[in-house]
């Protein structure tokens, strides 16, 4: 935990087992980490502003070797690089034909 004036940031890990109420459905173990930001109120109490959790479990639909995810990440890198270089031919390979580049009024 770190407190700076009226703001506190907390971080930790969790382990839990989610048990569905439905019969014949297996319990689902989960673990991960969490971060919370809390703000001191006028009366001196603390209230959470937000909480963010991140599970260690793989996302549904991930591939076993990660090849598809790597291909999507490479496409994102290529798109960003093309945007920075203003490389329209490369940008157009990643954008739908309906896309119209933004115009700047002068």
PDB file of N, CA and C in Angstrom:
ATOM      1  N   UNK A   1       0.847  -1.161   0.000  1.00  0.00           N
ATOM      2  CA  UNK A   1       0.000   0.000   0.000  1.00  0.00           C
ATOM      3  C   UNK A   1       0.898   1.231   0.000  1.00  0.00           C
ATOM      4  N   UNK A   2       0.453   2.243  -0.745  1.00  0.00           N
ATOM      5  CA  UNK A   2       1.150   3.521  -0.758  1.00  0.00           C
ATOM      6  C   UNK A   2       0.104   4.618  -0.619  1.00  0.00           C
ATOM      7  N   UNK A   3       0.346   5.534   0.318  1.00  0.00           N
ATOM      8  CA  UNK A   3      -0.586   6.641   0.534  1.00  0.00           C
ATOM      9  C   UNK A   3       0.136   7.940   0.247  1.00  0.00           C
ATOM     10  N   UNK A   4      -0.477   8.743  -0.608  1.00  0.00           N
ATOM     11  CA  UNK A   4       0.024  10.079  -0.929  1.00  0.00           C
ATOM     12  C   UNK A   4      -1.125  11.049  -0.680  1.00  0.00           C
ATOM     13  N   UNK A   5      -1.104  11.728   0.433  1.00  0.00           N
ATOM     14  CA  UNK A   5      -2.173  12.671   0.756  1.00  0.00           C
ATOM     15  C   UNK A   5      -3.514  11.961   0.893  1.00  0.00           C
ATOM     16  N   UNK A   6      -4.457  12.301   0.028  1.00  0.00           N
ATOM     17  CA  UNK A   6      -5.800  11.723   0.085  1.00  0.00           C
ATOM     18  C   UNK A   6      -6.000  10.571  -0.880  1.00  0.00           C
ATOM     19  N   UNK A   7      -4.908  10.058  -1.474  1.00  0.00           N
ATOM     20  CA  UNK A   7      -4.996   8.950  -2.423  1.00  0.00           C
ATOM     21  C   UNK A   7      -4.182   7.766  -1.915  1.00  0.00           C
ATOM     22  N   UNK A   8      -4.785   6.578  -1.967  1.00  0.00           N
ATOM     23  CA  UNK A   8      -4.092   5.353  -1.579  1.00  0.00           C
ATOM     24  C   UNK A   8      -4.149   4.370  -2.740  1.00  0.00           C
ATOM     25  N   UNK A   9      -3.030   3.709  -3.012  1.00  0.00           N
ATOM     26  CA  UNK A   9      -2.948   2.681  -4.038  1.00  0.00           C
ATOM     27  C   UNK A   9      -2.563   1.383  -3.339  1.00  0.00           C
ATOM     28  N   UNK A  10      -3.327   0.332  -3.605  1.00  0.00           N
ATOM     29  CA  UNK A  10      -3.065  -0.979  -3.013  1.00  0.00           C
ATOM     30  C   UNK A  10      -2.927  -2.008  -4.139  1.00  0.00           C
ATOM     31  N   UNK A  11      -2.089  -2.997  -3.922  1.00  0.00           N
ATOM     32  CA  UNK A  11      -1.868  -4.035  -4.927  1.00  0.00           C
ATOM     33  C   UNK A  11      -1.676  -5.359  -4.212  1.00  0.00           C
ATOM     34  N   UNK A  12      -2.197  -6.427  -4.807  1.00  0.00           N
ATOM     35  CA  UNK A  12      -2.030  -7.745  -4.206  1.00  0.00           C
ATOM     36  C   UNK A  12      -2.369  -8.851  -5.184  1.00  0.00           C
ATOM     37  N   UNK A  13      -2.387 -10.066  -4.689  1.00  0.00           N
ATOM     38  CA  UNK A  13      -2.723 -11.233  -5.496  1.00  0.00           C
ATOM     39  C   UNK A  13      -3.935 -11.924  -4.881  1.00  0.00           C
ATOM     40  N   UNK A  14      -4.582 -12.764  -5.680  1.00  0.00           N
ATOM     41  CA  UNK A  14      -5.727 -13.508  -5.174  1.00  0.00           C
ATOM     42  C   UNK A  14      -5.706 -14.930  -5.718  1.00  0.00           C
ATOM     43  N   UNK A  15      -6.337 -15.815  -4.996  1.00  0.00           N
ATOM     44  CA  UNK A  15      -6.598 -17.190  -5.414  1.00  0.00           C
ATOM     45  C   UNK A  15      -8.015 -17.492  -4.969  1.00  0.00           C
ATOM     46  N   UNK A  16      -8.822 -18.036  -5.877  1.00  0.00           N
ATOM     47  CA  UNK A  16     -10.207 -18.340  -5.537  1.00  0.00           C
ATOM     48  C   UNK A  16     -10.682 -19.549  -6.326  1.00  0.00           C
ATOM     49  N   UNK A  17     -11.786 -20.122  -5.873  1.00  0.00           N
ATOM     50  CA  UNK A  17     -12.446 -21.205  -6.598  1.00  0.00           C
ATOM     51  C   UNK A  17     -13.896 -20.794  -6.777  1.00  0.00           C
ATOM     52  N   UNK A  18     -14.306 -20.631  -8.031  1.00  0.00           N
ATOM     53  CA  UNK A  18     -15.676 -20.256  -8.345  1.00  0.00           C
ATOM     54  C   UNK A  18     -16.499 -21.525  -8.482  1.00  0.00           C
ATOM     55  N   UNK A  19     -17.533 -21.665  -7.667  1.00  0.00           N
ATOM     56  CA  UNK A  19     -18.367 -22.856  -7.664  1.00  0.00           C
ATOM     57  C   UNK A  19     -19.742 -22.525  -8.221  1.00  0.00           C
ATOM     58  N   UNK A  20     -20.044 -22.976  -9.448  1.00  0.00           N
ATOM     59  CA  UNK A  20     -21.359 -22.699 -10.034  1.00  0.00           C
ATOM     60  C   UNK A  20     -22.480 -23.354  -9.243  1.00  0.00           C
ATOM     61  N   UNK A  21     -23.663 -22.742  -9.249  1.00  0.00           N
ATOM     62  CA  UNK A  21     -24.818 -23.321  -8.580  1.00  0.00           C
ATOM     63  C   UNK A  21     -25.403 -24.473  -9.383  1.00  0.00           C
ATOM     64  N   UNK A  22     -25.180 -24.471 -10.692  1.00  0.00           N
ATOM     65  CA  UNK A  22     -25.720 -25.522 -11.550  1.00  0.00           C
ATOM     66  C   UNK A  22     -25.058 -26.858 -11.229  1.00  0.00           C
ATOM     67  N   UNK A  23     -25.850 -27.914 -11.262  1.00  0.00           N
ATOM     68  CA  UNK A  23     -25.306 -29.247 -11.022  1.00  0.00           C
ATOM     69  C   UNK A  23     -24.482 -29.687 -12.224  1.00  0.00           C
ATOM     70  N   UNK A  24     -23.567 -30.582 -11.992  1.00  0.00           N
ATOM     71  CA  UNK A  24     -22.727 -31.161 -13.043  1.00  0.00           C
ATOM     72  C   UNK A  24     -21.824 -30.135 -13.730  1.00  0.00           C
ATOM     73  N   UNK A  25     -21.534 -29.033 -13.062  1.00  0.00           N
ATOM     74  CA  UNK A  25     -20.591 -28.059 -13.600  1.00  0.00           C
ATOM     75  C   UNK A  25     -19.432 -27.969 -12.612  1.00  0.00           C
ATOM     76  N   UNK A  26     -18.234 -28.183 -13.121  1.00  0.00           N
ATOM     77  CA  UNK A  26     -17.060 -28.213 -12.251  1.00  0.00           C
ATOM     78  C   UNK A  26     -16.718 -26.824 -11.719  1.00  0.00           C
ATOM     79  N   UNK A  27     -16.150 -26.801 -10.536  1.00  0.00           N
ATOM     80  CA  UNK A  27     -15.654 -25.546  -9.961  1.00  0.00           C
ATOM     81  C   UNK A  27     -14.489 -25.047 -10.814  1.00  0.00           C
ATOM     82  N   UNK A  28     -14.335 -23.739 -10.869  1.00  0.00           N
ATOM     83  CA  UNK A  28     -13.293 -23.146 -11.692  1.00  0.00           C
ATOM     84  C   UNK A  28     -12.280 -22.428 -10.808  1.00  0.00           C
ATOM     85  N   UNK A  29     -11.059 -22.934 -10.743  1.00  0.00           N
ATOM     86  CA  UNK A  29     -10.042 -22.231  -9.968  1.00  0.00           C
ATOM     87  C   UNK A  29      -9.568 -21.000 -10.731  1.00  0.00           C
ATOM     88  N   UNK A  30      -9.175 -19.970 -10.013  1.00  0.00           N
ATOM     89  CA  UNK A  30      -8.677 -18.756 -10.631  1.00  0.00           C
ATOM     90  C   UNK A  30      -7.668 -18.111  -9.694  1.00  0.00           C
ATOM     91  N   UNK A  31      -6.711 -17.434 -10.257  1.00  0.00           N
ATOM     92  CA  UNK A  31      -5.745 -16.661  -9.479  1.00  0.00           C
ATOM     93  C   UNK A  31      -5.284 -15.503 -10.341  1.00  0.00           C
ATOM     94  N   UNK A  32      -4.720 -14.512  -9.707  1.00  0.00           N
ATOM     95  CA  UNK A  32      -4.254 -13.356 -10.454  1.00  0.00           C
ATOM     96  C   UNK A  32      -3.832 -12.246  -9.517  1.00  0.00           C
ATOM     97  N   UNK A  33      -3.913 -11.009 -10.002  1.00  0.00           N
ATOM     98  CA  UNK A  33      -3.533  -9.872  -9.174  1.00  0.00           C
ATOM     99  C   UNK A  33      -4.582  -8.779  -9.276  1.00  0.00           C
ATOM    100  N   UNK A  34      -4.525  -7.845  -8.358  1.00  0.00           N
ATOM    101  CA  UNK A  34      -5.493  -6.757  -8.307  1.00  0.00           C
ATOM    102  C   UNK A  34      -4.796  -5.463  -7.886  1.00  0.00           C
ATOM    103  N   UNK A  35      -5.381  -4.354  -8.298  1.00  0.00           N
ATOM    104  CA  UNK A  35      -4.928  -3.021  -7.897  1.00  0.00           C
ATOM    105  C   UNK A  35      -6.167  -2.202  -7.558  1.00  0.00           C
ATOM    106  N   UNK A  36      -6.104  -1.466  -6.464  1.00  0.00           N
ATOM    107  CA  UNK A  36      -7.216  -0.627  -6.017  1.00  0.00           C
ATOM    108  C   UNK A  36      -6.688   0.784  -5.764  1.00  0.00           C
ATOM    109  N   UNK A  37      -7.477   1.768  -6.162  1.00  0.00           N
ATOM    110  CA  UNK A  37      -7.207   3.157  -5.782  1.00  0.00           C
ATOM    111  C   UNK A  37      -8.339   3.595  -4.869  1.00  0.00           C
ATOM    112  N   UNK A  38      -7.991   4.177  -3.740  1.00  0.00           N
ATOM    113  CA  UNK A  38      -8.989   4.668  -2.784  1.00  0.00           C
ATOM    114  C   UNK A  38      -8.707   6.138  -2.498  1.00  0.00           C
ATOM    115  N   UNK A  39      -9.770   6.863  -2.178  1.00  0.00           N
ATOM    116  CA  UNK A  39      -9.643   8.287  -1.899  1.00  0.00           C
ATOM    117  C   UNK A  39     -10.238   8.582  -0.518  1.00  0.00           C
ATOM    118  N   UNK A  40      -9.507   9.403   0.260  1.00  0.00           N
ATOM    119  CA  UNK A  40      -9.989   9.809   1.583  1.00  0.00           C
ATOM    120  C   UNK A  40     -11.157  10.779   1.405  1.00  0.00           C
ATOM    121  N   UNK A  41     -12.224  10.532   2.142  1.00  0.00           N
ATOM    122  CA  UNK A  41     -13.419  11.370   2.092  1.00  0.00           C
ATOM    123  C   UNK A  41     -13.300  12.509   3.113  1.00  0.00           C
ATOM    124  N   UNK A  42     -14.194  13.478   2.996  1.00  0.00           N
ATOM    125  CA  UNK A  42     -14.176  14.636   3.902  1.00  0.00           C
ATOM    126  C   UNK A  42     -14.285  14.218   5.364  1.00  0.00           C
ATOM    127  N   UNK A  43     -15.001  13.102   5.638  1.00  0.00           N
ATOM    128  CA  UNK A  43     -15.168  12.655   7.024  1.00  0.00           C
ATOM    129  C   UNK A  43     -14.003  11.788   7.504  1.00  0.00           C
ATOM    130  N   UNK A  44     -12.952  11.626   6.659  1.00  0.00           N
ATOM    131  CA  UNK A  44     -11.779  10.836   7.038  1.00  0.00           C
ATOM    132  C   UNK A  44     -11.840   9.383   6.630  1.00  0.00           C
ATOM    133  N   UNK A  45     -13.001   8.901   6.193  1.00  0.00           N
ATOM    134  CA  UNK A  45     -13.116   7.506   5.747  1.00  0.00           C
ATOM    135  C   UNK A  45     -12.504   7.361   4.347  1.00  0.00           C
ATOM    136  N   UNK A  46     -12.269   6.111   3.946  1.00  0.00           N
ATOM    137  CA  UNK A  46     -11.705   5.829   2.621  1.00  0.00           C
ATOM    138  C   UNK A  46     -12.750   5.118   1.777  1.00  0.00           C
ATOM    139  N   UNK A  47     -12.852   5.484   0.503  1.00  0.00           N
ATOM    140  CA  UNK A  47     -13.743   4.801  -0.437  1.00  0.00           C
ATOM    141  C   UNK A  47     -12.955   4.477  -1.700  1.00  0.00           C
ATOM    142  N   UNK A  48     -13.258   3.319  -2.267  1.00  0.00           N
ATOM    143  CA  UNK A  48     -12.589   2.906  -3.491  1.00  0.00           C
ATOM    144  C   UNK A  48     -13.023   3.790  -4.654  1.00  0.00           C
ATOM    145  N   UNK A  49     -12.067   4.269  -5.423  1.00  0.00           N
ATOM    146  CA  UNK A  49     -12.360   4.952  -6.685  1.00  0.00           C
ATOM    147  C   UNK A  49     -12.515   3.921  -7.792  1.00  0.00           C
ATOM    148  N   UNK A  50     -11.617   2.942  -7.808  1.00  0.00           N
ATOM    149  CA  UNK A  50     -11.682   1.880  -8.813  1.00  0.00           C
ATOM    150  C   UNK A  50     -10.889   0.672  -8.349  1.00  0.00           C
ATOM    151  N   UNK A  51     -11.204  -0.465  -8.963  1.00  0.00           N
ATOM    152  CA  UNK A  51     -10.474  -1.706  -8.722  1.00  0.00           C
ATOM    153  C   UNK A  51     -10.258  -2.376 -10.076  1.00  0.00           C
ATOM    154  N   UNK A  52      -9.088  -2.924 -10.256  1.00  0.00           N
ATOM    155  CA  UNK A  52      -8.778  -3.619 -11.498  1.00  0.00           C
ATOM    156  C   UNK A  52      -8.165  -4.969 -11.138  1.00  0.00           C
ATOM    157  N   UNK A  53      -8.729  -6.016 -11.675  1.00  0.00           N
ATOM    158  CA  UNK A  53      -8.202  -7.352 -11.459  1.00  0.00           C
ATOM    159  C   UNK A  53      -7.714  -7.953 -12.765  1.00  0.00           C
ATOM    160  N   UNK A  54      -6.740  -8.824 -12.687  1.00  0.00           N
ATOM    161  CA  UNK A  54      -6.217  -9.487 -13.875  1.00  0.00           C
ATOM    162  C   UNK A  54      -5.964 -10.953 -13.538  1.00  0.00           C
ATOM    163  N   UNK A  55      -6.712 -11.836 -14.182  1.00  0.00           N
ATOM    164  CA  UNK A  55      -6.577 -13.264 -13.955  1.00  0.00           C
ATOM    165  C   UNK A  55      -5.318 -13.801 -14.631  1.00  0.00           C
ATOM    166  N   UNK A  56      -4.717 -14.825 -14.039  1.00  0.00           N
ATOM    167  CA  UNK A  56      -3.584 -15.515 -14.648  1.00  0.00           C
ATOM    168  C   UNK A  56      -4.033 -16.561 -15.665  1.00  0.00           C
ATOM    169  N   UNK A  57      -5.339 -16.818 -15.725  1.00  0.00           N
ATOM    170  CA  UNK A  57      -5.865 -17.853 -16.614  1.00  0.00           C
ATOM    171  C   UNK A  57      -5.841 -17.373 -18.069  1.00  0.00           C
ATOM    172  N   UNK A  58      -5.619 -18.275 -19.017  1.00  0.00           N
ATOM    173  CA  UNK A  58      -5.630 -17.855 -20.424  1.00  0.00           C
ATOM    174  C   UNK A  58      -7.022 -17.398 -20.841  1.00  0.00           C
ATOM    175  N   UNK A  59      -7.059 -16.445 -21.751  1.00  0.00           N
ATOM    176  CA  UNK A  59      -8.325 -15.944 -22.267  1.00  0.00           C
ATOM    177  C   UNK A  59      -8.991 -17.020 -23.110  1.00  0.00           C
ATOM    178  N   UNK A  60     -10.316 -17.098 -23.099  1.00  0.00           N
ATOM    179  CA  UNK A  60     -10.994 -18.045 -23.976  1.00  0.00           C
ATOM    180  C   UNK A  60     -10.650 -17.746 -25.429  1.00  0.00           C
ATOM    181  N   UNK A  61     -10.410 -18.806 -26.190  1.00  0.00           N
ATOM    182  CA  UNK A  61     -10.119 -18.638 -27.605  1.00  0.00           C
ATOM    183  C   UNK A  61      -8.649 -18.480 -27.921  1.00  0.00           C
ATOM    184  N   UNK A  62      -7.777 -18.507 -26.914  1.00  0.00           N
ATOM    185  CA  UNK A  62      -6.361 -18.397 -27.216  1.00  0.00           C
ATOM    186  C   UNK A  62      -5.870 -19.686 -27.842  1.00  0.00           C
ATOM    187  N   UNK A  63      -4.853 -19.560 -28.680  1.00  0.00           N
ATOM    188  CA  UNK A  63      -4.312 -20.746 -29.345  1.00  0.00           C
ATOM    189  C   UNK A  63      -3.211 -21.355 -28.496  1.00  0.00           C
ATOM    190  N   UNK A  64      -2.987 -22.625 -28.679  1.00  0.00           N
ATOM    191  CA  UNK A  64      -2.024 -23.347 -27.848  1.00  0.00           C
ATOM    192  C   UNK A  64      -0.606 -22.796 -27.997  1.00  0.00           C
ATOM    193  N   UNK A  65      -0.212 -22.464 -29.227  1.00  0.00           N
ATOM    194  CA  UNK A  65       1.164 -21.996 -29.428  1.00  0.00           C
ATOM    195  C   UNK A  65       1.282 -20.477 -29.508  1.00  0.00           C
ATOM    196  N   UNK A  66       0.153 -19.776 -29.480  1.00  0.00           N
ATOM    197  CA  UNK A  66       0.175 -18.323 -29.506  1.00  0.00           C
ATOM    198  C   UNK A  66       0.417 -17.724 -30.879  1.00  0.00           C
ATOM    199  N   UNK A  67       0.441 -18.544 -31.931  1.00  0.00           N
ATOM    200  CA  UNK A  67       0.753 -18.049 -33.274  1.00  0.00           C
ATOM    201  C   UNK A  67      -0.270 -17.024 -33.758  1.00  0.00           C
ATOM    202  N   UNK A  68      -1.549 -17.274 -33.524  1.00  0.00           N
ATOM    203  CA  UNK A  68      -2.580 -16.336 -33.980  1.00  0.00           C
ATOM    204  C   UNK A  68      -2.468 -14.999 -33.249  1.00  0.00           C
ATOM    205  N   UNK A  69      -2.242 -15.067 -31.942  1.00  0.00           N
ATOM    206  CA  UNK A  69      -2.108 -13.840 -31.168  1.00  0.00           C
ATOM    207  C   UNK A  69      -0.886 -13.037 -31.640  1.00  0.00           C
ATOM    208  N   UNK A  70       0.220 -13.736 -31.928  1.00  0.00           N
ATOM    209  CA  UNK A  70       1.416 -13.051 -32.419  1.00  0.00           C
ATOM    210  C   UNK A  70       1.169 -12.402 -33.773  1.00  0.00           C
ATOM    211  N   UNK A  71       0.388 -13.065 -34.636  1.00  0.00           N
ATOM    212  CA  UNK A  71       0.072 -12.500 -35.950  1.00  0.00           C
ATOM    213  C   UNK A  71      -0.749 -11.217 -35.806  1.00  0.00           C
ATOM    214  N   UNK A  72      -1.705 -11.222 -34.884  1.00  0.00           N
ATOM    215  CA  UNK A  72      -2.512 -10.018 -34.660  1.00  0.00           C
ATOM    216  C   UNK A  72      -1.636  -8.904 -34.089  1.00  0.00           C
ATOM    217  N   UNK A  73      -0.762  -9.225 -33.139  1.00  0.00           N
ATOM    218  CA  UNK A  73       0.129  -8.217 -32.568  1.00  0.00           C
ATOM    219  C   UNK A  73       1.066  -7.640 -33.634  1.00  0.00           C
ATOM    220  N   UNK A  74       1.561  -8.486 -34.544  1.00  0.00           N
ATOM    221  CA  UNK A  74       2.428  -7.986 -35.605  1.00  0.00           C
ATOM    222  C   UNK A  74       1.662  -7.062 -36.536  1.00  0.00           C
ATOM    223  N   UNK A  75       0.417  -7.401 -36.844  1.00  0.00           N
ATOM    224  CA  UNK A  75      -0.406  -6.535 -37.673  1.00  0.00           C
ATOM    225  C   UNK A  75      -0.598  -5.172 -36.987  1.00  0.00           C
ATOM    226  N   UNK A  76      -0.807  -5.177 -35.684  1.00  0.00           N
ATOM    227  CA  UNK A  76      -0.954  -3.925 -34.932  1.00  0.00           C
ATOM    228  C   UNK A  76       0.332  -3.104 -35.011  1.00  0.00           C
ATOM    229  N   UNK A  77       1.488  -3.748 -34.834  1.00  0.00           N
ATOM    230  CA  UNK A  77       2.765  -3.032 -34.927  1.00  0.00           C
ATOM    231  C   UNK A  77       2.959  -2.449 -36.323  1.00  0.00           C
ATOM    232  N   UNK A  78       2.644  -3.241 -37.356  1.00  0.00           N
ATOM    233  CA  UNK A  78       2.778  -2.768 -38.734  1.00  0.00           C
ATOM    234  C   UNK A  78       1.861  -1.573 -38.988  1.00  0.00           C
ATOM    235  N   UNK A  79       0.644  -1.647 -38.478  1.00  0.00           N
ATOM    236  CA  UNK A  79      -0.317  -0.562 -38.662  1.00  0.00           C
ATOM    237  C   UNK A  79       0.173   0.722 -37.993  1.00  0.00           C
ATOM    238  N   UNK A  80       0.666   0.605 -36.766  1.00  0.00           N
ATOM    239  CA  UNK A  80       1.167   1.781 -36.052  1.00  0.00           C
ATOM    240  C   UNK A  80       2.372   2.374 -36.780  1.00  0.00           C
ATOM    241  N   UNK A  81       3.310   1.520 -37.209  1.00  0.00           N
ATOM    242  CA  UNK A  81       4.488   2.014 -37.927  1.00  0.00           C
ATOM    243  C   UNK A  81       4.085   2.713 -39.221  1.00  0.00           C
ATOM    244  N   UNK A  82       3.137   2.143 -39.938  1.00  0.00           N
ATOM    245  CA  UNK A  82       2.674   2.766 -41.182  1.00  0.00           C
ATOM    246  C   UNK A  82       2.015   4.111 -40.894  1.00  0.00           C
ATOM    247  N   UNK A  83       1.250   4.201 -39.802  1.00  0.00           N
ATOM    248  CA  UNK A  83       0.603   5.463 -39.453  1.00  0.00           C
ATOM    249  C   UNK A  83       1.647   6.531 -39.123  1.00  0.00           C
ATOM    250  N   UNK A  84       2.670   6.160 -38.373  1.00  0.00           N
ATOM    251  CA  UNK A  84       3.728   7.109 -38.009  1.00  0.00           C
ATOM    252  C   UNK A  84       4.456   7.603 -39.261  1.00  0.00           C
ATOM    253  N   UNK A  85       4.696   6.688 -40.206  1.00  0.00           N
ATOM    254  CA  UNK A  85       5.417   7.043 -41.436  1.00  0.00           C
ATOM    255  C   UNK A  85       4.499   7.631 -42.514  1.00  0.00           C
ATOM    256  N   UNK A  86       3.184   7.648 -42.207  1.00  0.00           N
ATOM    257  CA  UNK A  86       2.187   8.109 -43.186  1.00  0.00           C
ATOM    258  C   UNK A  86       2.284   7.299 -44.480  1.00  0.00           C
ATOM    259  N   UNK A  87       2.473   6.005 -44.314  1.00  0.00           N
ATOM    260  CA  UNK A  87       2.605   5.061 -45.431  1.00  0.00           C
ATOM    261  C   UNK A  87       1.210   4.563 -45.815  1.00  0.00           C
ATOM    262  N   UNK A  88       0.539   5.307 -46.675  1.00  0.00           N
ATOM    263  CA  UNK A  88      -0.843   4.987 -47.038  1.00  0.00           C
ATOM    264  C   UNK A  88      -0.997   3.615 -47.690  1.00  0.00           C
ATOM    265  N   UNK A  89      -0.114   3.192 -48.611  1.00  0.00           N
ATOM    266  CA  UNK A  89      -0.297   1.857 -49.200  1.00  0.00           C
ATOM    267  C   UNK A  89      -0.315   0.743 -48.138  1.00  0.00           C
ATOM    268  N   UNK A  90       0.579   0.836 -47.144  1.00  0.00           N
ATOM    269  CA  UNK A  90       0.582  -0.177 -46.083  1.00  0.00           C
ATOM    270  C   UNK A  90      -0.654  -0.039 -45.210  1.00  0.00           C
ATOM    271  N   UNK A  91      -1.020   1.195 -44.852  1.00  0.00           N
ATOM    272  CA  UNK A  91      -2.226   1.402 -44.054  1.00  0.00           C
ATOM    273  C   UNK A  91      -3.439   0.785 -44.737  1.00  0.00           C
ATOM    274  N   UNK A  92      -3.556   0.989 -46.032  1.00  0.00           N
ATOM    275  CA  UNK A  92      -4.713   0.491 -46.765  1.00  0.00           C
ATOM    276  C   UNK A  92      -4.792  -1.032 -46.786  1.00  0.00           C
ATOM    277  N   UNK A  93      -3.661  -1.722 -46.589  1.00  0.00           N
ATOM    278  CA  UNK A  93      -3.714  -3.189 -46.528  1.00  0.00           C
ATOM    279  C   UNK A  93      -4.363  -3.676 -45.238  1.00  0.00           C
ATOM    280  N   UNK A  94      -4.364  -2.829 -44.199  1.00  0.00           N
ATOM    281  CA  UNK A  94      -4.928  -3.217 -42.906  1.00  0.00           C
ATOM    282  C   UNK A  94      -6.307  -2.632 -42.642  1.00  0.00           C
ATOM    283  N   UNK A  95      -6.713  -1.641 -43.422  1.00  0.00           N
ATOM    284  CA  UNK A  95      -7.984  -0.967 -43.165  1.00  0.00           C
ATOM    285  C   UNK A  95      -9.022  -1.380 -44.196  1.00  0.00           C
ATOM    286  N   UNK A  96     -10.276  -1.415 -43.781  1.00  0.00           N
ATOM    287  CA  UNK A  96     -11.364  -1.779 -44.677  1.00  0.00           C
ATOM    288  C   UNK A  96     -11.510  -0.780 -45.812  1.00  0.00           C
ATOM    289  N   UNK A  97     -12.049  -1.233 -46.943  1.00  0.00           N
ATOM    290  CA  UNK A  97     -12.184  -0.350 -48.110  1.00  0.00           C
ATOM    291  C   UNK A  97     -13.141   0.812 -47.835  1.00  0.00           C
ATOM    292  N   UNK A  98     -13.977   0.677 -46.782  1.00  0.00           N
ATOM    293  CA  UNK A  98     -14.895   1.745 -46.423  1.00  0.00           C
ATOM    294  C   UNK A  98     -14.201   2.893 -45.690  1.00  0.00           C
ATOM    295  N   UNK A  99     -12.971   2.650 -45.240  1.00  0.00           N
ATOM    296  CA  UNK A  99     -12.245   3.653 -44.439  1.00  0.00           C
ATOM    297  C   UNK A  99     -11.868   4.843 -45.303  1.00  0.00           C
ATOM    298  N   UNK A 100     -12.082   6.033 -44.759  1.00  0.00           N
ATOM    299  CA  UNK A 100     -11.688   7.267 -45.426  1.00  0.00           C
ATOM    300  C   UNK A 100     -10.707   7.986 -44.528  1.00  0.00           C
ATOM    301  N   UNK A 101      -9.547   8.350 -45.063  1.00  0.00           N
ATOM    302  CA  UNK A 101      -8.574   9.039 -44.198  1.00  0.00           C
ATOM    303  C   UNK A 101      -9.125  10.363 -43.716  1.00  0.00           C
ATOM    304  N   UNK A 102      -8.760  10.770 -42.497  1.00  0.00           N
ATOM    305  CA  UNK A 102      -9.239  12.048 -41.975  1.00  0.00           C
ATOM    306  C   UNK A 102      -8.649  13.205 -42.778  1.00  0.00           C
ATOM    307  N   UNK A 103      -9.391  14.274 -42.858  1.00  0.00           N
ATOM    308  CA  UNK A 103      -8.901  15.476 -43.528  1.00  0.00           C
ATOM    309  C   UNK A 103      -8.674  16.550 -42.494  1.00  0.00           C
ATOM    310  N   UNK A 104      -7.760  17.437 -42.790  1.00  0.00           N
ATOM    311  CA  UNK A 104      -7.458  18.536 -41.879  1.00  0.00           C
ATOM    312  C   UNK A 104      -7.928  19.823 -42.527  1.00  0.00           C
ATOM    313  N   UNK A 105      -8.788  20.552 -41.846  1.00  0.00           N
ATOM    314  CA  UNK A 105      -9.257  21.833 -42.362  1.00  0.00           C
ATOM    315  C   UNK A 105      -8.165  22.864 -42.218  1.00  0.00           C
ATOM    316  N   UNK A 106      -7.992  23.668 -43.246  1.00  0.00           N
ATOM    317  CA  UNK A 106      -6.968  24.725 -43.173  1.00  0.00           C
ATOM    318  C   UNK A 106      -7.567  26.045 -43.478  1.00  0.00           C
TER     319      UNK A 106
END
